């Protein structure tokens, strides 16, 4: 119960703080450089130019990542799992950053909102890649941290210099991370619950299909609160949660009798 209450309260506080920031900066978002996605209409939902939140459905649905992130961060420690402490806290925190960044993008449709939206995705995908390499190669925490910081530094620099490449870079890092996890790291830990990872992949696959339908306006109701991109947010948050459960199912190497 404490975890649930804490998750809800922290999500509300985060939403309130984000709204307060937007109130200070807005609501005239035309004063800022526009997001590059405006060339393709920034998804189906029509911007409400008279509102603080240009895309309310896409904005509020972003909080799904915040709920999942805070739930992970407030999870009670378990001695029977190899995934805990700082890695688990940071994993949850990256989900919160994704939620806030996505909220800022869809509320403002500005270039700086887009930057923070993609920043969270890079922090998460970089974590997935560095953690997979660490568990595959048996690296120390400091070596894995150095790899993670290097990945994030490169991705953020490219995001700043070439923001139009953001989606392809995110997809590339994610594919590499998932491949190393499934092909290299997972076989060394046979008692981890692979089905949980599969559920996350399924949620991501469905979400990506909806994302395509929304982005291409194949399935589009611009004035509705039922938005495909909002469903993408919620399913993406579900995928993050299953990833967390997958990591949490792994036993410490000292007791699992597996691993390099």
Protein backbone atom coordinates (compact mmCIF):
# COMPACT_ATOMS: atom_id res chain seq x y z
CA UNK A 1 0.00 0.00 0.00
CA UNK A 2 2.83 2.41 0.85
CA UNK A 3 4.37 1.78 -2.57
CA UNK A 4 1.06 2.50 -4.30
CA UNK A 5 0.35 5.66 -2.32
CA UNK A 6 3.90 6.90 -2.81
CA UNK A 7 3.74 6.23 -6.54
CA UNK A 8 0.49 8.15 -6.94
CA UNK A 9 1.64 11.09 -4.80
CA UNK A 10 4.99 11.43 -6.56
CA UNK A 11 3.32 11.25 -9.97
CA UNK A 12 0.86 13.98 -8.95
CA UNK A 13 3.67 16.17 -7.62
CA UNK A 14 5.67 15.65 -10.81
CA UNK A 15 2.66 16.52 -12.96
CA UNK A 16 1.98 19.64 -10.89
CA UNK A 17 5.61 20.77 -11.13
CA UNK A 18 5.61 20.21 -14.89
CA UNK A 19 2.41 22.20 -15.29
CA UNK A 20 3.87 25.00 -13.17
CA UNK A 21 6.92 25.13 -15.44
CA UNK A 22 4.71 25.24 -18.52
CA UNK A 23 2.63 28.00 -16.98
CA UNK A 24 5.76 30.10 -16.53
CA UNK A 25 7.04 29.51 -20.05
CA UNK A 26 3.75 29.43 -21.98
CA UNK A 27 1.18 29.37 -23.29
CA UNK A 28 2.45 31.03 -26.48
CA UNK A 29 4.69 28.23 -27.74
CA UNK A 30 5.23 29.97 -31.09
CA UNK A 31 7.90 32.04 -29.34
CA UNK A 32 10.16 28.99 -29.33
CA UNK A 33 11.72 27.05 -32.23
CA UNK A 34 9.24 24.36 -33.34
CA UNK A 35 9.80 20.62 -32.99
CA UNK A 36 11.10 18.98 -36.15
CA UNK A 37 8.13 16.62 -36.07
CA UNK A 38 5.87 19.50 -37.10
CA UNK A 39 6.88 18.71 -40.67
CA UNK A 40 4.78 15.55 -40.32
CA UNK A 41 2.13 17.15 -38.07
CA UNK A 42 3.56 15.68 -34.81
CA UNK A 43 1.13 12.77 -34.82
CA UNK A 44 -2.62 12.70 -35.25
CA UNK A 45 -3.90 14.82 -32.35
CA UNK A 46 -4.70 18.33 -33.52
CA UNK A 47 -2.93 21.08 -31.51
CA UNK A 48 -5.25 23.10 -29.27
CA UNK A 49 -3.72 26.48 -29.89
CA UNK A 50 -5.80 28.15 -27.18
CA UNK A 51 -4.61 25.74 -24.48
CA UNK A 52 -1.56 25.40 -22.26
CA UNK A 53 -1.31 21.80 -23.49
CA UNK A 54 -1.34 21.71 -27.28
CA UNK A 55 -1.96 17.96 -27.33
CA UNK A 56 -3.75 17.10 -24.07
CA UNK A 57 -4.31 13.37 -24.70
CA UNK A 58 -0.73 12.79 -25.75
CA UNK A 59 0.49 14.91 -22.83
CA UNK A 60 -1.47 13.29 -20.01
CA UNK A 61 -0.89 9.76 -21.27
CA UNK A 62 2.85 10.39 -20.88
CA UNK A 63 2.36 10.16 -17.13
CA UNK A 64 2.03 6.39 -17.54
CA UNK A 65 5.83 6.33 -17.65
CA UNK A 66 5.95 8.34 -14.43
CA UNK A 67 3.65 5.90 -12.65
CA UNK A 68 5.76 2.93 -13.72
CA UNK A 69 9.01 4.71 -12.92
CA UNK A 70 8.02 5.71 -9.40
CA UNK A 71 6.56 2.24 -8.75
CA UNK A 72 9.95 0.74 -9.65
CA UNK A 73 11.87 3.25 -7.55
CA UNK A 74 9.70 2.61 -4.50
CA UNK A 75 9.73 -1.18 -4.81
CA UNK A 76 10.86 -2.86 -1.55
CA UNK A 77 14.31 -4.49 -1.78
CA UNK A 78 14.53 -8.24 -2.31
CA UNK A 79 17.59 -10.30 -1.43
CA UNK A 80 16.69 -13.02 -3.93
CA UNK A 81 17.11 -10.76 -6.97
CA UNK A 82 20.26 -9.60 -8.72
CA UNK A 83 18.56 -6.39 -9.83
CA UNK A 84 18.31 -3.81 -7.08
CA UNK A 85 19.97 -0.81 -5.51
CA UNK A 86 21.21 1.97 -7.75
CA UNK A 87 20.61 0.17 -11.10
CA UNK A 88 16.94 -0.41 -10.26
CA UNK A 89 16.53 3.16 -8.98
CA UNK A 90 18.10 4.60 -12.11
CA UNK A 91 16.04 2.35 -14.36
CA UNK A 92 12.89 3.69 -12.71
CA UNK A 93 14.17 7.25 -12.86
CA UNK A 94 14.75 7.02 -16.61
CA UNK A 95 11.08 6.05 -17.01
CA UNK A 96 10.10 9.17 -15.07
CA UNK A 97 12.33 11.29 -17.32
CA UNK A 98 10.67 9.78 -20.39
CA UNK A 99 7.26 10.70 -19.00
CA UNK A 100 8.19 14.29 -18.18
CA UNK A 101 10.02 14.77 -21.48
CA UNK A 102 7.11 13.36 -23.48
CA UNK A 103 4.71 15.62 -21.56
CA UNK A 104 6.85 18.66 -22.42
CA UNK A 105 6.99 17.76 -26.10
CA UNK A 106 3.29 17.20 -26.60
CA UNK A 107 2.32 20.18 -24.46
CA UNK A 108 4.55 22.60 -26.37
CA UNK A 109 5.54 21.00 -29.71
CA UNK A 110 8.81 22.91 -29.37
CA UNK A 111 12.35 21.89 -30.23
CA UNK A 112 13.40 21.99 -26.57
CA UNK A 113 10.41 19.85 -25.63
CA UNK A 114 11.45 17.37 -28.30
CA UNK A 115 14.99 17.31 -26.89
CA UNK A 116 13.82 16.32 -23.42
CA UNK A 117 11.38 13.80 -24.88
CA UNK A 118 14.17 11.97 -26.70
CA UNK A 119 16.63 12.43 -23.81
CA UNK A 120 14.65 10.06 -21.61
CA UNK A 121 14.45 7.45 -24.36
CA UNK A 122 18.22 7.63 -24.84
CA UNK A 123 18.85 7.28 -21.10
CA UNK A 124 16.68 4.17 -21.01
CA UNK A 125 17.99 2.52 -24.19
CA UNK A 126 21.56 3.26 -23.12
CA UNK A 127 20.85 1.54 -19.82
CA UNK A 128 19.44 -1.53 -21.58
CA UNK A 129 22.56 -1.75 -23.74
CA UNK A 130 25.12 -1.18 -20.98
CA UNK A 131 23.37 -3.55 -18.55
CA UNK A 132 23.17 -6.28 -21.21
CA UNK A 133 26.89 -5.92 -21.98
CA UNK A 134 27.76 -5.99 -18.27
CA UNK A 135 25.85 -9.21 -17.66
CA UNK A 136 27.19 -10.79 -20.85
CA UNK A 137 30.85 -9.95 -20.27
CA UNK A 138 30.82 -9.99 -16.46
CA UNK A 139 32.02 -6.39 -16.24
CA UNK A 140 32.34 -4.48 -12.99
CA UNK A 141 29.85 -1.76 -12.09
CA UNK A 142 32.42 0.95 -12.79
CA UNK A 143 33.15 -0.44 -16.29
CA UNK A 144 29.44 -0.69 -17.07
CA UNK A 145 28.91 2.86 -15.80
CA UNK A 146 31.71 4.14 -18.04
CA UNK A 147 30.11 2.43 -21.03
CA UNK A 148 26.71 3.84 -20.13
CA UNK A 149 28.03 7.39 -19.80
CA UNK A 150 29.85 7.08 -23.12
CA UNK A 151 26.73 5.81 -24.91
CA UNK A 152 24.58 8.59 -23.45
CA UNK A 153 27.17 11.28 -24.23
CA UNK A 154 27.34 10.22 -27.88
CA UNK A 155 23.56 9.96 -28.24
CA UNK A 156 22.91 13.32 -26.57
CA UNK A 157 25.57 15.03 -28.68
CA UNK A 158 24.00 13.63 -31.85
CA UNK A 159 20.56 14.66 -30.61
CA UNK A 160 21.82 18.21 -30.19
CA UNK A 161 23.64 18.32 -33.53
CA UNK A 162 21.28 16.25 -35.70
CA UNK A 163 17.85 16.09 -34.02
CA UNK A 164 16.26 14.66 -37.17
CA UNK A 165 18.13 11.36 -36.62
CA UNK A 166 16.61 10.82 -33.16
CA UNK A 167 14.18 8.05 -34.07
CA UNK A 168 16.67 6.01 -36.08
CA UNK A 169 19.33 6.27 -33.39
CA UNK A 170 16.91 5.21 -30.67
CA UNK A 171 15.73 2.26 -32.75
CA UNK A 172 19.31 1.21 -33.54
CA UNK A 173 20.45 1.30 -29.91
CA UNK A 174 17.31 -0.54 -28.80
CA UNK A 175 17.75 -3.31 -31.37
CA UNK A 176 21.41 -3.79 -30.42
CA UNK A 177 20.53 -3.84 -26.71
CA UNK A 178 17.73 -6.39 -27.15
CA UNK A 179 19.90 -8.58 -29.36
CA UNK A 180 22.77 -8.67 -26.86
CA UNK A 181 20.31 -9.32 -24.03
CA UNK A 182 18.56 -12.23 -25.71
CA UNK A 183 21.46 -13.79 -27.61
CA UNK A 184 24.44 -13.11 -25.33
CA UNK A 185 23.37 -12.25 -21.77
CA UNK A 186 20.20 -14.27 -21.25
CA UNK A 187 21.67 -17.73 -22.02
CA UNK A 188 24.16 -17.23 -19.18
CA UNK A 189 21.26 -16.88 -16.74
CA UNK A 190 18.84 -19.70 -17.62
CA UNK A 191 16.70 -19.26 -14.50
CA UNK A 192 15.63 -15.74 -15.41
CA UNK A 193 11.97 -15.52 -16.51
CA UNK A 194 12.29 -14.95 -20.24
CA UNK A 195 8.51 -14.88 -20.66
CA UNK A 196 8.46 -11.49 -18.93
CA UNK A 197 10.88 -10.14 -21.51
CA UNK A 198 8.61 -11.55 -24.20
CA UNK A 199 5.60 -9.75 -22.78
CA UNK A 200 7.56 -6.51 -22.93
CA UNK A 201 8.49 -7.15 -26.55
CA UNK A 202 4.87 -7.89 -27.37
CA UNK A 203 3.70 -4.65 -25.76
CA UNK A 204 6.38 -2.73 -27.68
CA UNK A 205 5.45 -4.42 -30.95
CA UNK A 206 1.77 -3.57 -30.57
CA UNK A 207 2.69 -0.03 -29.51
CA UNK A 208 4.91 0.42 -32.57
CA UNK A 209 2.13 -0.77 -34.87
CA UNK A 210 -0.24 1.78 -33.32
CA UNK A 211 2.48 4.44 -33.56
CA UNK A 212 2.76 3.84 -37.32
CA UNK A 213 -1.01 4.00 -37.82
CA UNK A 214 -1.16 7.25 -35.84
CA UNK A 215 1.92 8.86 -37.37
CA UNK A 216 0.79 8.12 -40.92
CA UNK A 217 -2.78 9.15 -40.06
CA UNK A 218 -4.06 5.82 -41.26
CA UNK A 219 -6.13 5.62 -38.09
CA UNK A 220 -6.74 9.18 -36.98
CA UNK A 221 -9.38 11.18 -35.12
CA UNK A 222 -7.65 14.55 -34.63
CA UNK A 223 -10.17 16.03 -32.16
CA UNK A 224 -10.68 12.92 -30.02
CA UNK A 225 -9.14 12.21 -26.64
CA UNK A 226 -8.68 8.62 -27.86
CA UNK A 227 -5.33 8.94 -29.60
CA UNK A 228 -3.12 6.21 -31.00
CA UNK A 229 -0.01 8.00 -29.79
CA UNK A 230 -1.46 8.09 -26.28
CA UNK A 231 -1.90 4.30 -26.52
CA UNK A 232 1.75 4.11 -27.62
CA UNK A 233 2.73 5.89 -24.41
CA UNK A 234 0.73 3.58 -22.17
CA UNK A 235 1.89 0.41 -23.90
CA UNK A 236 5.46 1.68 -23.80
CA UNK A 237 5.13 2.13 -20.04
CA UNK A 238 3.79 -1.44 -19.78
CA UNK A 239 6.83 -2.67 -21.74
CA UNK A 240 9.19 -0.86 -19.35
CA UNK A 241 7.45 -2.52 -16.40
CA UNK A 242 7.81 -5.99 -17.90
CA UNK A 243 11.47 -5.29 -18.57
CA UNK A 244 11.84 -4.42 -14.91
CA UNK A 245 10.10 -7.63 -13.84
CA UNK A 246 12.39 -9.58 -16.17
CA UNK A 247 15.51 -8.06 -14.59
CA UNK A 248 14.08 -8.54 -11.11
CA UNK A 249 13.50 -12.26 -11.77
CA UNK A 250 17.24 -12.82 -12.11
CA UNK A 251 18.88 -14.38 -9.06
CA UNK A 252 22.21 -13.18 -7.67
CA UNK A 253 25.13 -14.96 -9.29
CA UNK A 254 26.31 -16.34 -5.95
CA UNK A 255 23.10 -18.39 -5.53
CA UNK A 256 21.89 -18.98 -9.08
CA UNK A 257 24.82 -21.28 -9.98
CA UNK A 258 24.86 -19.86 -13.48
CA UNK A 259 26.75 -17.14 -15.30
CA UNK A 260 30.34 -16.64 -16.40
